[in-house]
Amino acid sequence: MPLRLSATLWNEIAQWAEEDFRSMNGQIEYLLTECVKYRKKHRKKEE
């Protein structure tokens, strides 16, 4: 799936992925998974 990111954001995520020993795709998937978990957790507190 194509994903458009600014060069700055791409570089930040790429550096972070390297530090975490993940591929770029793996890092993006990890970050999205964590965001979904965070959203679900905080949504329950609001209800």
N, C-alpha and C. Protein backbone atom coordinates (compact mmCIF):
# COMPACT_ATOMS: atom_id res chain seq x y z
N MET A 1 0.84 -1.16 0.00
CA MET A 1 0.00 0.00 0.00
C MET A 1 0.90 1.24 0.00
N PRO A 2 0.70 2.12 -0.93
CA PRO A 2 1.50 3.35 -0.95
C PRO A 2 1.18 4.22 0.25
N LEU A 3 2.20 4.87 0.78
CA LEU A 3 2.02 5.75 1.92
C LEU A 3 2.83 7.02 1.67
N ARG A 4 2.19 8.14 1.76
CA ARG A 4 2.88 9.41 1.54
C ARG A 4 3.28 10.01 2.89
N LEU A 5 4.56 10.20 3.06
CA LEU A 5 5.09 10.82 4.26
C LEU A 5 6.06 11.92 3.86
N SER A 6 6.17 12.93 4.69
CA SER A 6 7.17 13.95 4.43
C SER A 6 8.55 13.30 4.59
N ALA A 7 9.53 13.88 3.95
CA ALA A 7 10.89 13.35 4.05
C ALA A 7 11.38 13.38 5.50
N THR A 8 10.99 14.42 6.21
CA THR A 8 11.41 14.55 7.62
C THR A 8 10.83 13.42 8.46
N LEU A 9 9.53 13.16 8.31
CA LEU A 9 8.90 12.09 9.07
C LEU A 9 9.46 10.73 8.67
N TRP A 10 9.65 10.53 7.39
CA TRP A 10 10.23 9.27 6.89
C TRP A 10 11.58 9.02 7.55
N ASN A 11 12.43 10.02 7.57
CA ASN A 11 13.77 9.88 8.15
C ASN A 11 13.71 9.60 9.65
N GLU A 12 12.82 10.27 10.35
CA GLU A 12 12.67 10.05 11.79
C GLU A 12 12.24 8.61 12.07
N ILE A 13 11.25 8.12 11.33
CA ILE A 13 10.77 6.75 11.53
C ILE A 13 11.84 5.75 11.12
N ALA A 14 12.54 6.02 10.05
CA ALA A 14 13.61 5.12 9.60
C ALA A 14 14.72 5.02 10.65
N GLN A 15 15.08 6.13 11.24
CA GLN A 15 16.11 6.13 12.28
C GLN A 15 15.62 5.36 13.51
N TRP A 16 14.38 5.59 13.88
CA TRP A 16 13.78 4.91 15.02
C TRP A 16 13.73 3.41 14.76
N ALA A 17 13.34 3.02 13.56
CA ALA A 17 13.28 1.60 13.18
C ALA A 17 14.65 0.95 13.30
N GLU A 18 15.66 1.65 12.84
CA GLU A 18 17.02 1.12 12.93
C GLU A 18 17.44 0.92 14.39
N GLU A 19 17.10 1.88 15.24
CA GLU A 19 17.43 1.76 16.66
C GLU A 19 16.71 0.58 17.32
N ASP A 20 15.49 0.29 16.85
CA ASP A 20 14.68 -0.80 17.41
C ASP A 20 14.87 -2.11 16.66
N PHE A 21 15.82 -2.14 15.71
CA PHE A 21 16.11 -3.34 14.92
C PHE A 21 14.86 -3.85 14.19
N ARG A 22 14.11 -2.92 13.61
CA ARG A 22 12.92 -3.26 12.83
C ARG A 22 13.07 -2.72 11.43
N SER A 23 12.31 -3.32 10.51
CA SER A 23 12.22 -2.77 9.16
C SER A 23 11.33 -1.53 9.23
N MET A 24 11.35 -0.74 8.20
CA MET A 24 10.49 0.44 8.14
C MET A 24 9.03 0.01 8.24
N ASN A 25 8.65 -1.02 7.50
CA ASN A 25 7.29 -1.53 7.54
C ASN A 25 6.93 -2.02 8.94
N GLY A 26 7.85 -2.74 9.56
CA GLY A 26 7.63 -3.25 10.91
C GLY A 26 7.45 -2.12 11.91
N GLN A 27 8.21 -1.06 11.76
CA GLN A 27 8.11 0.08 12.67
C GLN A 27 6.78 0.79 12.52
N ILE A 28 6.35 0.99 11.29
CA ILE A 28 5.06 1.64 11.05
C ILE A 28 3.93 0.79 11.61
N GLU A 29 3.99 -0.52 11.39
CA GLU A 29 2.96 -1.41 11.93
C GLU A 29 2.97 -1.38 13.45
N TYR A 30 4.14 -1.40 14.05
CA TYR A 30 4.27 -1.32 15.51
C TYR A 30 3.64 -0.03 16.04
N LEU A 31 3.97 1.10 15.42
CA LEU A 31 3.45 2.39 15.87
C LEU A 31 1.94 2.47 15.72
N LEU A 32 1.42 1.98 14.62
CA LEU A 32 -0.03 1.99 14.43
C LEU A 32 -0.73 1.10 15.45
N THR A 33 -0.16 -0.06 15.72
CA THR A 33 -0.73 -0.98 16.71
C THR A 33 -0.76 -0.33 18.09
N GLU A 34 0.33 0.32 18.46
CA GLU A 34 0.39 1.00 19.76
C GLU A 34 -0.63 2.14 19.84
N CYS A 35 -0.81 2.87 18.75
CA CYS A 35 -1.79 3.96 18.74
C CYS A 35 -3.21 3.43 18.90
N VAL A 36 -3.52 2.32 18.25
CA VAL A 36 -4.85 1.73 18.38
C VAL A 36 -5.08 1.25 19.81
N LYS A 37 -4.08 0.60 20.41
CA LYS A 37 -4.20 0.16 21.80
C LYS A 37 -4.44 1.36 22.72
N TYR A 38 -3.68 2.42 22.52
CA TYR A 38 -3.80 3.63 23.34
C TYR A 38 -5.19 4.23 23.21
N ARG A 39 -5.67 4.29 21.98
CA ARG A 39 -7.00 4.86 21.73
C ARG A 39 -8.09 4.04 22.42
N LYS A 40 -8.00 2.73 22.29
CA LYS A 40 -9.00 1.86 22.92
C LYS A 40 -8.98 2.02 24.44
N LYS A 41 -7.79 2.08 25.00
CA LYS A 41 -7.64 2.20 26.45
C LYS A 41 -8.24 3.52 26.95
N HIS A 42 -7.94 4.61 26.27
CA HIS A 42 -8.39 5.92 26.71
C HIS A 42 -9.84 6.19 26.36
N ARG A 43 -10.35 5.52 25.38
CA ARG A 43 -11.76 5.66 25.02
C ARG A 43 -12.64 5.06 26.11
N LYS A 44 -12.22 3.94 26.68
CA LYS A 44 -12.98 3.29 27.73
C LYS A 44 -13.06 4.17 28.98
N LYS A 45 -12.00 4.91 29.26
CA LYS A 45 -11.98 5.78 30.43
C LYS A 45 -12.97 6.94 30.28
N GLU A 46 -13.19 7.40 29.05
CA GLU A 46 -14.09 8.51 28.79
C GLU A 46 -15.56 8.11 28.92
N GLU A 47 -15.86 6.84 28.68
CA GLU A 47 -17.25 6.38 28.70
C GLU A 47 -17.79 6.15 30.07
